[in-house]
PDB file of N, CA and C in Angstrom:
ATOM      1  N   MET A   1      -3.073   0.525  31.724  1.00  0.00           N
ATOM      2  CA  MET A   1      -2.229   1.246  30.629  1.00  0.00           C
ATOM      3  C   MET A   1      -2.687   0.865  29.174  1.00  0.00           C
ATOM      4  N   SER A   2      -2.614   1.756  28.327  1.00  0.00           N
ATOM      5  CA  SER A   2      -3.027   1.442  26.756  1.00  0.00           C
ATOM      6  C   SER A   2      -1.773   1.171  26.166  1.00  0.00           C
ATOM      7  N   GLU A   3      -1.726   0.213  25.298  1.00  0.00           N
ATOM      8  CA  GLU A   3      -0.752   0.016  24.318  1.00  0.00           C
ATOM      9  C   GLU A   3      -0.619   0.931  23.287  1.00  0.00           C
ATOM     10  N   GLN A   4       0.408   1.714  22.814  1.00  0.00           N
ATOM     11  CA  GLN A   4       0.545   2.725  21.849  1.00  0.00           C
ATOM     12  C   GLN A   4       1.153   2.044  20.835  1.00  0.00           C
ATOM     13  N   HIS A   5       0.579   1.949  19.492  1.00  0.00           N
ATOM     14  CA  HIS A   5       1.353   1.354  18.396  1.00  0.00           C
ATOM     15  C   HIS A   5       1.928   2.543  17.535  1.00  0.00           C
ATOM     16  N   PRO A   6       3.016   2.054  16.694  1.00  0.00           N
ATOM     17  CA  PRO A   6       3.824   3.217  16.057  1.00  0.00           C
ATOM     18  C   PRO A   6       2.768   3.995  15.169  1.00  0.00           C
ATOM     19  N   GLN A   7       1.922   3.407  14.744  1.00  0.00           N
ATOM     20  CA  GLN A   7       0.781   3.985  13.687  1.00  0.00           C
ATOM     21  C   GLN A   7       0.228   5.275  14.680  1.00  0.00           C
ATOM     22  N   ASP A   8      -0.269   5.213  15.720  1.00  0.00           N
ATOM     23  CA  ASP A   8      -0.836   6.127  16.623  1.00  0.00           C
ATOM     24  C   ASP A   8      -0.147   7.642  16.309  1.00  0.00           C
ATOM     25  N   GLY A   9       1.308   7.413  16.907  1.00  0.00           N
ATOM     26  CA  GLY A   9       1.881   8.700  16.510  1.00  0.00           C
ATOM     27  C   GLY A   9       2.253   9.150  15.216  1.00  0.00           C
ATOM     28  N   GLU A  10       2.223   8.408  14.224  1.00  0.00           N
ATOM     29  CA  GLU A  10       2.227   8.692  12.992  1.00  0.00           C
ATOM     30  C   GLU A  10       1.083   9.387  12.163  1.00  0.00           C
ATOM     31  N   ALA A  11      -0.197   8.972  12.970  1.00  0.00           N
ATOM     32  CA  ALA A  11      -1.246   9.879  12.608  1.00  0.00           C
ATOM     33  C   ALA A  11      -1.358  11.324  12.694  1.00  0.00           C
ATOM     34  N   GLY A  12      -0.494  11.602  13.863  1.00  0.00           N
ATOM     35  CA  GLY A  12      -0.365  12.994  13.990  1.00  0.00           C
ATOM     36  C   GLY A  12       0.437  13.735  13.047  1.00  0.00           C
ATOM     37  N   VAL A  13       1.482  12.813  12.704  1.00  0.00           N
ATOM     38  CA  VAL A  13       2.510  13.282  11.549  1.00  0.00           C
ATOM     39  C   VAL A  13       1.631  13.642  10.349  1.00  0.00           C
ATOM     40  N   PHE A  14       0.622  12.759   9.951  1.00  0.00           N
ATOM     41  CA  PHE A  14       0.042  12.834   8.610  1.00  0.00           C
ATOM     42  C   PHE A  14      -0.947  14.051   8.923  1.00  0.00           C
ATOM     43  N   ARG A  15      -1.729  14.103  10.391  1.00  0.00           N
ATOM     44  CA  ARG A  15      -2.560  15.247  10.299  1.00  0.00           C
ATOM     45  C   ARG A  15      -1.891  16.742  10.193  1.00  0.00           C
ATOM     46  N   ALA A  16      -0.586  16.744  10.885  1.00  0.00           N
ATOM     47  CA  ALA A  16       0.161  17.820  10.477  1.00  0.00           C
ATOM     48  C   ALA A  16       0.623  17.920   9.117  1.00  0.00           C
ATOM     49  N   LEU A  17       0.936  17.169   8.389  1.00  0.00           N
ATOM     50  CA  LEU A  17       1.190  17.393   7.125  1.00  0.00           C
ATOM     51  C   LEU A  17      -0.094  17.780   6.077  1.00  0.00           C
ATOM     52  N   ALA A  18      -1.085  17.426   6.522  1.00  0.00           N
ATOM     53  CA  ALA A  18      -2.466  17.725   5.802  1.00  0.00           C
ATOM     54  C   ALA A  18      -2.416  19.288   5.651  1.00  0.00           C
ATOM     55  N   ASP A  19      -1.968  20.162   6.213  1.00  0.00           N
ATOM     56  CA  ASP A  19      -2.184  21.535   6.270  1.00  0.00           C
ATOM     57  C   ASP A  19      -0.953  22.093   5.225  1.00  0.00           C
ATOM     58  N   PRO A  20      -1.315  23.000   4.009  1.00  0.00           N
ATOM     59  CA  PRO A  20      -0.417  23.432   3.156  1.00  0.00           C
ATOM     60  C   PRO A  20       0.591  24.356   3.919  1.00  0.00           C
ATOM     61  N   THR A  21      -0.053  25.088   5.058  1.00  0.00           N
ATOM     62  CA  THR A  21       0.943  26.415   5.722  1.00  0.00           C
ATOM     63  C   THR A  21       1.880  25.470   6.486  1.00  0.00           C
ATOM     64  N   ARG A  22       1.577  24.421   7.148  1.00  0.00           N
ATOM     65  CA  ARG A  22       2.607  23.525   7.991  1.00  0.00           C
ATOM     66  C   ARG A  22       3.395  22.784   7.099  1.00  0.00           C
ATOM     67  N   ARG A  23       3.111  22.443   5.774  1.00  0.00           N
ATOM     68  CA  ARG A  23       4.084  21.743   4.896  1.00  0.00           C
ATOM     69  C   ARG A  23       5.232  22.968   4.376  1.00  0.00           C
ATOM     70  N   GLN A  24       4.639  24.043   4.377  1.00  0.00           N
ATOM     71  CA  GLN A  24       5.528  25.094   3.865  1.00  0.00           C
ATOM     72  C   GLN A  24       6.573  25.347   5.021  1.00  0.00           C
ATOM     73  N   ILE A  25       5.832  25.583   6.099  1.00  0.00           N
ATOM     74  CA  ILE A  25       6.864  25.785   7.302  1.00  0.00           C
ATOM     75  C   ILE A  25       7.872  24.655   7.199  1.00  0.00           C
ATOM     76  N   LEU A  26       7.729  23.375   7.298  1.00  0.00           N
ATOM     77  CA  LEU A  26       8.744  22.474   6.880  1.00  0.00           C
ATOM     78  C   LEU A  26       9.715  22.668   5.753  1.00  0.00           C
ATOM     79  N   GLU A  27       9.271  23.005   4.706  1.00  0.00           N
ATOM     80  CA  GLU A  27       9.866  23.293   3.599  1.00  0.00           C
ATOM     81  C   GLU A  27      11.182  24.588   4.007  1.00  0.00           C
ATOM     82  N   ASP A  28      10.309  25.616   4.465  1.00  0.00           N
ATOM     83  CA  ASP A  28      11.303  26.778   5.207  1.00  0.00           C
ATOM     84  C   ASP A  28      12.303  26.221   6.096  1.00  0.00           C
ATOM     85  N   LEU A  29      12.001  25.088   6.694  1.00  0.00           N
ATOM     86  CA  LEU A  29      12.951  24.974   7.986  1.00  0.00           C
ATOM     87  C   LEU A  29      14.076  24.027   7.410  1.00  0.00           C
ATOM     88  N   ARG A  30      13.872  23.490   6.022  1.00  0.00           N
ATOM     89  CA  ARG A  30      14.757  22.451   5.504  1.00  0.00           C
ATOM     90  C   ARG A  30      16.211  23.193   5.576  1.00  0.00           C
ATOM     91  N   SER A  31      16.333  24.709   5.170  1.00  0.00           N
ATOM     92  CA  SER A  31      17.483  25.339   5.274  1.00  0.00           C
ATOM     93  C   SER A  31      18.241  25.685   6.593  1.00  0.00           C
ATOM     94  N   GLY A  32      17.426  25.400   7.583  1.00  0.00           N
ATOM     95  CA  GLY A  32      18.153  25.929   8.699  1.00  0.00           C
ATOM     96  C   GLY A  32      16.988  26.282   9.843  1.00  0.00           C
ATOM     97  N   GLU A  33      17.662  26.487  11.095  1.00  0.00           N
ATOM     98  CA  GLU A  33      16.776  27.021  12.149  1.00  0.00           C
ATOM     99  C   GLU A  33      16.243  28.321  11.736  1.00  0.00           C
ATOM    100  N   LEU A  34      14.941  28.612  12.279  1.00  0.00           N
ATOM    101  CA  LEU A  34      14.309  30.031  11.989  1.00  0.00           C
ATOM    102  C   LEU A  34      13.738  30.348  13.282  1.00  0.00           C
ATOM    103  N   ALA A  35      13.719  31.487  13.650  1.00  0.00           N
ATOM    104  CA  ALA A  35      12.917  32.230  14.709  1.00  0.00           C
ATOM    105  C   ALA A  35      11.571  32.328  14.452  1.00  0.00           C
ATOM    106  N   ALA A  36      10.737  32.155  15.337  1.00  0.00           N
ATOM    107  CA  ALA A  36       9.333  32.099  15.144  1.00  0.00           C
ATOM    108  C   ALA A  36       8.847  33.502  14.489  1.00  0.00           C
ATOM    109  N   GLY A  37       9.527  34.617  14.715  1.00  0.00           N
ATOM    110  CA  GLY A  37       9.092  35.734  13.928  1.00  0.00           C
ATOM    111  C   GLY A  37       9.225  35.880  12.376  1.00  0.00           C
ATOM    112  N   GLU A  38      10.239  35.235  12.322  1.00  0.00           N
ATOM    113  CA  GLU A  38      10.777  34.915  10.874  1.00  0.00           C
ATOM    114  C   GLU A  38       9.904  34.148  10.279  1.00  0.00           C
ATOM    115  N   ILE A  39       9.645  32.900  10.733  1.00  0.00           N
ATOM    116  CA  ILE A  39       8.684  32.226  10.104  1.00  0.00           C
ATOM    117  C   ILE A  39       7.294  33.035   9.863  1.00  0.00           C
ATOM    118  N   ALA A  40       6.809  33.518  10.881  1.00  0.00           N
ATOM    119  CA  ALA A  40       5.561  34.252  10.651  1.00  0.00           C
ATOM    120  C   ALA A  40       5.476  35.347   9.789  1.00  0.00           C
ATOM    121  N   ALA A  41       6.626  35.910   9.377  1.00  0.00           N
ATOM    122  CA  ALA A  41       6.714  36.973   8.583  1.00  0.00           C
ATOM    123  C   ALA A  41       6.618  36.612   6.869  1.00  0.00           C
ATOM    124  N   ARG A  42       6.857  35.245   6.742  1.00  0.00           N
ATOM    125  CA  ARG A  42       6.799  34.495   5.561  1.00  0.00           C
ATOM    126  C   ARG A  42       5.492  34.205   5.179  1.00  0.00           C
ATOM    127  N   PHE A  43       4.262  34.422   5.965  1.00  0.00           N
ATOM    128  CA  PHE A  43       3.007  34.180   5.622  1.00  0.00           C
ATOM    129  C   PHE A  43       1.989  35.175   5.824  1.00  0.00           C
ATOM    130  N   PRO A  44       0.886  35.280   5.085  1.00  0.00           N
ATOM    131  CA  PRO A  44      -0.086  36.358   5.264  1.00  0.00           C
ATOM    132  C   PRO A  44      -1.003  36.009   6.099  1.00  0.00           C
ATOM    133  N   ILE A  45      -0.905  35.328   7.393  1.00  0.00           N
ATOM    134  CA  ILE A  45      -1.701  35.017   8.153  1.00  0.00           C
ATOM    135  C   ILE A  45      -1.329  35.726   9.523  1.00  0.00           C
ATOM    136  N   SER A  46      -2.096  35.722  10.450  1.00  0.00           N
ATOM    137  CA  SER A  46      -1.559  36.485  11.841  1.00  0.00           C
ATOM    138  C   SER A  46      -0.580  35.389  12.576  1.00  0.00           C
ATOM    139  N   ALA A  47       0.271  36.419  13.486  1.00  0.00           N
ATOM    140  CA  ALA A  47       1.375  35.399  14.101  1.00  0.00           C
ATOM    141  C   ALA A  47       0.771  34.352  15.018  1.00  0.00           C
ATOM    142  N   PRO A  48      -0.264  34.562  15.753  1.00  0.00           N
ATOM    143  CA  PRO A  48      -0.890  33.644  16.645  1.00  0.00           C
ATOM    144  C   PRO A  48      -1.362  32.337  15.736  1.00  0.00           C
ATOM    145  N   SER A  49      -1.741  32.666  14.282  1.00  0.00           N
ATOM    146  CA  SER A  49      -2.078  31.396  13.647  1.00  0.00           C
ATOM    147  C   SER A  49      -0.956  30.571  13.294  1.00  0.00           C
ATOM    148  N   VAL A  50       0.210  31.150  13.113  1.00  0.00           N
ATOM    149  CA  VAL A  50       1.490  30.629  12.705  1.00  0.00           C
ATOM    150  C   VAL A  50       1.957  29.907  13.992  1.00  0.00           C
ATOM    151  N   SER A  51       1.661  30.494  15.154  1.00  0.00           N
ATOM    152  CA  SER A  51       2.147  29.820  16.535  1.00  0.00           C
ATOM    153  C   SER A  51       1.544  28.456  16.672  1.00  0.00           C
ATOM    154  N   ARG A  52      -0.072  28.576  16.286  1.00  0.00           N
ATOM    155  CA  ARG A  52      -0.669  27.387  16.325  1.00  0.00           C
ATOM    156  C   ARG A  52      -0.263  26.260  15.475  1.00  0.00           C
ATOM    157  N   HIS A  53       0.128  26.663  14.255  1.00  0.00           N
ATOM    158  CA  HIS A  53       0.527  25.585  13.029  1.00  0.00           C
ATOM    159  C   HIS A  53       1.916  25.132  13.731  1.00  0.00           C
ATOM    160  N   LEU A  54       2.813  25.931  14.458  1.00  0.00           N
ATOM    161  CA  LEU A  54       4.141  25.455  15.039  1.00  0.00           C
ATOM    162  C   LEU A  54       3.854  24.642  15.909  1.00  0.00           C
ATOM    163  N   GLY A  55       2.770  24.750  16.931  1.00  0.00           N
ATOM    164  CA  GLY A  55       2.449  23.924  17.808  1.00  0.00           C
ATOM    165  C   GLY A  55       1.958  22.468  17.427  1.00  0.00           C
ATOM    166  N   VAL A  56       1.226  22.477  16.474  1.00  0.00           N
ATOM    167  CA  VAL A  56       0.829  21.323  15.738  1.00  0.00           C
ATOM    168  C   VAL A  56       2.066  20.579  15.132  1.00  0.00           C
ATOM    169  N   LEU A  57       2.917  21.254  14.667  1.00  0.00           N
ATOM    170  CA  LEU A  57       4.154  20.462  14.066  1.00  0.00           C
ATOM    171  C   LEU A  57       5.075  19.904  15.228  1.00  0.00           C
ATOM    172  N   LYS A  58       5.216  20.737  16.259  1.00  0.00           N
ATOM    173  CA  LYS A  58       5.873  20.353  17.424  1.00  0.00           C
ATOM    174  C   LYS A  58       5.473  18.982  18.072  1.00  0.00           C
ATOM    175  N   GLY A  59       4.027  19.164  18.365  1.00  0.00           N
ATOM    176  CA  GLY A  59       3.174  18.074  18.959  1.00  0.00           C
ATOM    177  C   GLY A  59       3.425  16.881  18.197  1.00  0.00           C
ATOM    178  N   ALA A  60       3.516  16.769  16.870  1.00  0.00           N
ATOM    179  CA  ALA A  60       3.750  15.876  16.065  1.00  0.00           C
ATOM    180  C   ALA A  60       5.099  15.332  15.875  1.00  0.00           C
ATOM    181  N   GLY A  61       5.934  16.101  16.554  1.00  0.00           N
ATOM    182  CA  GLY A  61       7.466  15.786  16.629  1.00  0.00           C
ATOM    183  C   GLY A  61       8.332  16.073  15.261  1.00  0.00           C
ATOM    184  N   LEU A  62       7.617  16.872  14.437  1.00  0.00           N
ATOM    185  CA  LEU A  62       8.276  17.292  13.254  1.00  0.00           C
ATOM    186  C   LEU A  62       9.189  18.605  13.390  1.00  0.00           C
ATOM    187  N   VAL A  63       8.918  19.198  14.355  1.00  0.00           N
ATOM    188  CA  VAL A  63       9.931  20.370  14.826  1.00  0.00           C
ATOM    189  C   VAL A  63      10.173  20.371  16.168  1.00  0.00           C
ATOM    190  N   ALA A  64      11.623  20.977  16.304  1.00  0.00           N
ATOM    191  CA  ALA A  64      11.998  21.316  17.730  1.00  0.00           C
ATOM    192  C   ALA A  64      12.145  22.742  18.021  1.00  0.00           C
ATOM    193  N   GLU A  65      12.207  22.844  19.167  1.00  0.00           N
ATOM    194  CA  GLU A  65      12.156  24.432  19.585  1.00  0.00           C
ATOM    195  C   GLU A  65      13.132  24.616  20.661  1.00  0.00           C
ATOM    196  N   ARG A  66      13.738  25.783  20.446  1.00  0.00           N
ATOM    197  CA  ARG A  66      14.841  26.028  21.849  1.00  0.00           C
ATOM    198  C   ARG A  66      14.683  27.767  21.832  1.00  0.00           C
ATOM    199  N   ARG A  67      15.202  27.823  22.980  1.00  0.00           N
ATOM    200  CA  ARG A  67      15.095  29.403  23.442  1.00  0.00           C
ATOM    201  C   ARG A  67      16.582  29.906  23.204  1.00  0.00           C
ATOM    202  N   GLU A  68      16.510  31.063  22.886  1.00  0.00           N
ATOM    203  CA  GLU A  68      17.750  31.890  22.616  1.00  0.00           C
ATOM    204  C   GLU A  68      17.367  33.457  23.217  1.00  0.00           C
ATOM    205  N   GLY A  69      17.670  33.701  24.345  1.00  0.00           N
ATOM    206  CA  GLY A  69      17.275  34.990  24.880  1.00  0.00           C
ATOM    207  C   GLY A  69      15.689  35.084  24.830  1.00  0.00           C
ATOM    208  N   ASN A  70      15.160  36.028  24.223  1.00  0.00           N
ATOM    209  CA  ASN A  70      13.684  36.203  24.035  1.00  0.00           C
ATOM    210  C   ASN A  70      13.222  35.598  22.780  1.00  0.00           C
ATOM    211  N   ARG A  71      13.833  34.966  22.218  1.00  0.00           N
ATOM    212  CA  ARG A  71      13.364  34.333  20.732  1.00  0.00           C
ATOM    213  C   ARG A  71      13.420  32.950  20.968  1.00  0.00           C
ATOM    214  N   ILE A  72      12.311  32.317  20.143  1.00  0.00           N
ATOM    215  CA  ILE A  72      12.084  30.995  20.102  1.00  0.00           C
ATOM    216  C   ILE A  72      12.543  30.474  18.621  1.00  0.00           C
ATOM    217  N   LEU A  73      13.240  29.374  18.587  1.00  0.00           N
ATOM    218  CA  LEU A  73      14.103  28.957  17.456  1.00  0.00           C
ATOM    219  C   LEU A  73      13.318  27.551  17.151  1.00  0.00           C
ATOM    220  N   TYR A  74      12.943  27.494  15.749  1.00  0.00           N
ATOM    221  CA  TYR A  74      12.552  26.191  15.350  1.00  0.00           C
ATOM    222  C   TYR A  74      13.448  25.483  14.402  1.00  0.00           C
ATOM    223  N   SER A  75      13.526  24.338  14.407  1.00  0.00           N
ATOM    224  CA  SER A  75      14.273  23.391  13.549  1.00  0.00           C
ATOM    225  C   SER A  75      13.465  22.176  13.140  1.00  0.00           C
ATOM    226  N   LEU A  76      13.685  21.896  12.016  1.00  0.00           N
ATOM    227  CA  LEU A  76      13.197  20.418  11.328  1.00  0.00           C
ATOM    228  C   LEU A  76      13.616  19.364  12.040  1.00  0.00           C
ATOM    229  N   VAL A  77      12.923  18.259  12.418  1.00  0.00           N
ATOM    230  CA  VAL A  77      13.272  16.965  13.005  1.00  0.00           C
ATOM    231  C   VAL A  77      13.001  16.059  11.694  1.00  0.00           C
ATOM    232  N   GLU A  78      14.177  16.041  10.873  1.00  0.00           N
ATOM    233  CA  GLU A  78      14.317  15.147   9.630  1.00  0.00           C
ATOM    234  C   GLU A  78      14.083  13.937   9.791  1.00  0.00           C
ATOM    235  N   ASP A  79      14.562  13.366  10.878  1.00  0.00           N
ATOM    236  CA  ASP A  79      14.195  12.083  11.284  1.00  0.00           C
ATOM    237  C   ASP A  79      12.920  11.247  11.487  1.00  0.00           C
ATOM    238  N   ARG A  80      12.373  12.149  12.211  1.00  0.00           N
ATOM    239  CA  ARG A  80      10.871  11.844  12.462  1.00  0.00           C
ATOM    240  C   ARG A  80      10.000  11.923  11.353  1.00  0.00           C
ATOM    241  N   LEU A  81      10.286  12.918  10.325  1.00  0.00           N
ATOM    242  CA  LEU A  81       9.554  12.963   9.115  1.00  0.00           C
ATOM    243  C   LEU A  81       9.757  11.748   8.106  1.00  0.00           C
ATOM    244  N   ALA A  82      11.083  11.492   7.930  1.00  0.00           N
ATOM    245  CA  ALA A  82      11.582  10.458   7.190  1.00  0.00           C
ATOM    246  C   ALA A  82      11.055   9.101   7.540  1.00  0.00           C
ATOM    247  N   THR A  83      10.984   8.917   9.111  1.00  0.00           N
ATOM    248  CA  THR A  83      10.833   7.570   9.469  1.00  0.00           C
ATOM    249  C   THR A  83       9.268   7.433   9.380  1.00  0.00           C
ATOM    250  N   SER A  84       8.414   8.432   9.757  1.00  0.00           N
ATOM    251  CA  SER A  84       6.958   8.188   9.583  1.00  0.00           C
ATOM    252  C   SER A  84       6.416   7.959   8.272  1.00  0.00           C
ATOM    253  N   VAL A  85       6.927   8.821   7.317  1.00  0.00           N
ATOM    254  CA  VAL A  85       6.398   8.791   5.989  1.00  0.00           C
ATOM    255  C   VAL A  85       7.131   7.558   5.257  1.00  0.00           C
ATOM    256  N   GLY A  86       8.342   7.261   5.689  1.00  0.00           N
ATOM    257  CA  GLY A  86       9.048   6.106   5.025  1.00  0.00           C
ATOM    258  C   GLY A  86       8.400   4.789   5.409  1.00  0.00           C
ATOM    259  N   ARG A  87       8.149   4.695   6.655  1.00  0.00           N
ATOM    260  CA  ARG A  87       7.342   3.479   7.164  1.00  0.00           C
ATOM    261  C   ARG A  87       6.018   3.339   6.359  1.00  0.00           C
ATOM    262  N   PHE A  88       5.371   4.411   6.190  1.00  0.00           N
ATOM    263  CA  PHE A  88       4.013   4.406   5.474  1.00  0.00           C
ATOM    264  C   PHE A  88       4.294   3.892   4.093  1.00  0.00           C
ATOM    265  N   LEU A  89       5.085   4.680   3.369  1.00  0.00           N
ATOM    266  CA  LEU A  89       5.400   4.414   1.963  1.00  0.00           C
ATOM    267  C   LEU A  89       5.860   3.053   1.750  1.00  0.00           C
ATOM    268  N   SER A  90       6.547   2.556   2.658  1.00  0.00           N
ATOM    269  CA  SER A  90       7.237   0.984   2.638  1.00  0.00           C
ATOM    270  C   SER A  90       6.063   0.112   2.722  1.00  0.00           C
ATOM    271  N   ALA A  91       5.140   0.394   3.590  1.00  0.00           N
ATOM    272  CA  ALA A  91       4.009  -0.545   3.564  1.00  0.00           C
ATOM    273  C   ALA A  91       2.925  -0.470   2.551  1.00  0.00           C
ATOM    274  N   VAL A  92       2.933   0.635   2.047  1.00  0.00           N
ATOM    275  CA  VAL A  92       1.784   0.874   0.822  1.00  0.00           C
ATOM    276  C   VAL A  92       2.511   0.518  -0.426  1.00  0.00           C
ATOM    277  N   CYS A  93       3.513   0.833  -0.836  1.00  0.00           N
ATOM    278  CA  CYS A  93       4.076   0.663  -2.119  1.00  0.00           C
ATOM    279  C   CYS A  93       5.859   0.235  -2.026  1.00  0.00           C
ATOM    280  N   PRO A  94       5.881  -0.784  -1.480  1.00  0.00           N
ATOM    281  CA  PRO A  94       7.285  -1.290  -1.243  1.00  0.00           C
ATOM    282  C   PRO A  94       8.099  -1.211  -2.916  1.00  0.00           C
ATOM    283  N   GLU A  95       7.339  -1.894  -3.634  1.00  0.00           N
ATOM    284  CA  GLU A  95       8.265  -1.934  -4.974  1.00  0.00           C
ATOM    285  C   GLU A  95       8.671  -0.920  -5.443  1.00  0.00           C
ATOM    286  N   GLN A  96       7.989   0.266  -5.408  1.00  0.00           N
ATOM    287  CA  GLN A  96       8.413   1.610  -5.800  1.00  0.00           C
ATOM    288  C   GLN A  96       9.426   2.185  -5.043  1.00  0.00           C
ATOM    289  N   ILE A  97       9.493   1.948  -3.682  1.00  0.00           N
ATOM    290  CA  ILE A  97      10.459   2.399  -2.738  1.00  0.00           C
ATOM    291  C   ILE A  97      11.815   1.747  -3.309  1.00  0.00           C
ATOM    292  N   VAL A  98      11.700   0.520  -3.431  1.00  0.00           N
ATOM    293  CA  VAL A  98      13.042  -0.187  -4.110  1.00  0.00           C
ATOM    294  C   VAL A  98      13.424   0.247  -5.281  1.00  0.00           C
ATOM    295  N   LEU A  99      12.570   0.357  -6.237  1.00  0.00           N
ATOM    296  CA  LEU A  99      12.803   0.952  -7.631  1.00  0.00           C
ATOM    297  C   LEU A  99      13.417   2.118  -7.599  1.00  0.00           C
ATOM    298  N   ARG A 100      12.910   3.039  -6.879  1.00  0.00           N
ATOM    299  CA  ARG A 100      13.352   4.279  -6.837  1.00  0.00           C
ATOM    300  C   ARG A 100      14.940   4.582  -6.216  1.00  0.00           C
ATOM    301  N   HIS A 101      15.014   3.639  -5.221  1.00  0.00           N
ATOM    302  CA  HIS A 101      16.374   3.675  -4.299  1.00  0.00           C
ATOM    303  C   HIS A 101      17.434   3.266  -5.447  1.00  0.00           C
ATOM    304  N   THR A 102      17.024   2.032  -6.137  1.00  0.00           N
ATOM    305  CA  THR A 102      17.836   1.441  -6.938  1.00  0.00           C
ATOM    306  C   THR A 102      18.332   2.335  -8.354  1.00  0.00           C
ATOM    307  N   ALA A 103      17.266   2.993  -8.725  1.00  0.00           N
ATOM    308  CA  ALA A 103      17.482   4.000  -9.864  1.00  0.00           C
ATOM    309  C   ALA A 103      18.433   4.986  -9.495  1.00  0.00           C
ATOM    310  N   TRP A 104      18.047   5.523  -8.244  1.00  0.00           N
ATOM    311  CA  TRP A 104      19.025   6.794  -7.680  1.00  0.00           C
ATOM    312  C   TRP A 104      20.353   6.332  -7.485  1.00  0.00           C
ATOM    313  N   ARG A 105      20.725   5.336  -6.837  1.00  0.00           N
ATOM    314  CA  ARG A 105      21.864   4.639  -6.707  1.00  0.00           C
ATOM    315  C   ARG A 105      22.616   4.512  -8.059  1.00  0.00           C
ATOM    316  N   HIS A 106      22.059   4.214  -9.065  1.00  0.00           N
ATOM    317  CA  HIS A 106      22.626   3.907 -10.318  1.00  0.00           C
ATOM    318  C   HIS A 106      22.659   5.301 -11.279  1.00  0.00           C
ATOM    319  N   GLY A 107      22.371   6.243 -10.806  1.00  0.00           N
ATOM    320  CA  GLY A 107      22.504   7.563 -11.325  1.00  0.00           C
ATOM    321  C   GLY A 107      21.358   7.904 -12.282  1.00  0.00           C
ATOM    322  N   ALA A 108      20.390   7.059 -12.160  1.00  0.00           N
ATOM    323  CA  ALA A 108      19.141   7.438 -12.896  1.00  0.00           C
ATOM    324  C   ALA A 108      18.354   8.018 -12.094  1.00  0.00           C
ATOM    325  N   ALA A 109      17.555   9.078 -12.453  1.00  0.00           N
ATOM    326  CA  ALA A 109      16.730   9.837 -11.399  1.00  0.00           C
ATOM    327  C   ALA A 109      15.091   9.390 -11.973  1.00  0.00           C
ATOM    328  N   PRO A 110      14.414   8.818 -10.952  1.00  0.00           N
ATOM    329  CA  PRO A 110      12.968   8.496 -11.120  1.00  0.00           C
ATOM    330  C   PRO A 110      12.241   9.738 -11.331  1.00  0.00           C
ATOM    331  N   ALA A 111      11.189   9.872 -12.112  1.00  0.00           N
ATOM    332  CA  ALA A 111      10.437  10.789 -12.445  1.00  0.00           C
ATOM    333  C   ALA A 111       9.878  11.505 -11.211  1.00  0.00           C
ATOM    334  N   GLY A 112       9.931  12.802 -11.158  1.00  0.00           N
ATOM    335  CA  GLY A 112       9.266  13.542  -9.853  1.00  0.00           C
ATOM    336  C   GLY A 112      10.215  13.826  -8.770  1.00  0.00           C
ATOM    337  N   THR A 113      11.632  13.455  -8.900  1.00  0.00           N
ATOM    338  CA  THR A 113      12.415  13.614  -8.149  1.00  0.00           C
ATOM    339  C   THR A 113      13.362  14.902  -8.501  1.00  0.00           C
ATOM    340  N   PRO A 114      13.776  15.506  -7.263  1.00  0.00           N
ATOM    341  CA  PRO A 114      14.474  16.727  -7.612  1.00  0.00           C
ATOM    342  C   PRO A 114      15.684  16.510  -8.762  1.00  0.00           C
ATOM    343  N   ARG A 115      16.414  15.477  -8.828  1.00  0.00           N
ATOM    344  CA  ARG A 115      17.285  15.126  -9.705  1.00  0.00           C
ATOM    345  C   ARG A 115      16.741  14.914 -11.272  1.00  0.00           C
ATOM    346  N   ALA A 116      15.799  14.467 -11.260  1.00  0.00           N
ATOM    347  CA  ALA A 116      15.134  14.208 -12.700  1.00  0.00           C
ATOM    348  C   ALA A 116      14.329  15.698 -13.271  1.00  0.00           C
ATOM    349  N   ASP A 117      14.090  16.315 -12.087  1.00  0.00           N
ATOM    350  CA  ASP A 117      13.767  17.784 -12.530  1.00  0.00           C
ATOM    351  C   ASP A 117      14.782  18.478 -12.985  1.00  0.00           C
ATOM    352  N   GLU A 118      15.907  18.451 -12.269  1.00  0.00           N
ATOM    353  CA  GLU A 118      17.332  18.981 -12.884  1.00  0.00           C
ATOM    354  C   GLU A 118      17.596  18.643 -14.173  1.00  0.00           C
ATOM    355  N   GLU A 119      17.600  17.170 -14.314  1.00  0.00           N
ATOM    356  CA  GLU A 119      17.903  16.964 -15.630  1.00  0.00           C
ATOM    357  C   GLU A 119      17.164  17.070 -16.924  1.00  0.00           C
ATOM    358  N   ARG A 120      15.695  17.492 -16.525  1.00  0.00           N
ATOM    359  CA  ARG A 120      15.018  17.853 -17.547  1.00  0.00           C
ATOM    360  C   ARG A 120      14.856  19.422 -17.773  1.00  0.00           C
ATOM    361  N   GLY A 121      15.670  19.973 -16.668  1.00  0.00           N
ATOM    362  CA  GLY A 121      15.732  21.501 -16.832  1.00  0.00           C
ATOM    363  C   GLY A 121      14.440  22.365 -16.272  1.00  0.00           C
ATOM    364  N   ALA A 122      13.978  21.526 -15.646  1.00  0.00           N
ATOM    365  CA  ALA A 122      12.565  22.132 -14.962  1.00  0.00           C
ATOM    366  C   ALA A 122      13.125  23.024 -13.732  1.00  0.00           C
TER     367      ALA A 122
END
């Protein structure tokens, strides 16, 4: 039996995030569960292509699916995304993570964050 390292599963997460369509699907799911057809209607590609993208996201553990009648509903698995990306960022640029967290906690918004963009009127 081969030993699996946490990074092995994370590689699938980063492969899934490499595609702009899949990143947009994740952003769309931020607001809540969506049916496969609703997701497909948002893109100028075929439904089978969207289905393949959803399969990659599901395989990476970034989305969950459930059936409701004849519909398949997808939802974002926020914890999986946050854990994988957070672990990587903590390993690569731990000081930035601490600085951003501290600034956020004290009401200052680091550049490039939603709060900073709101403060600038962007």
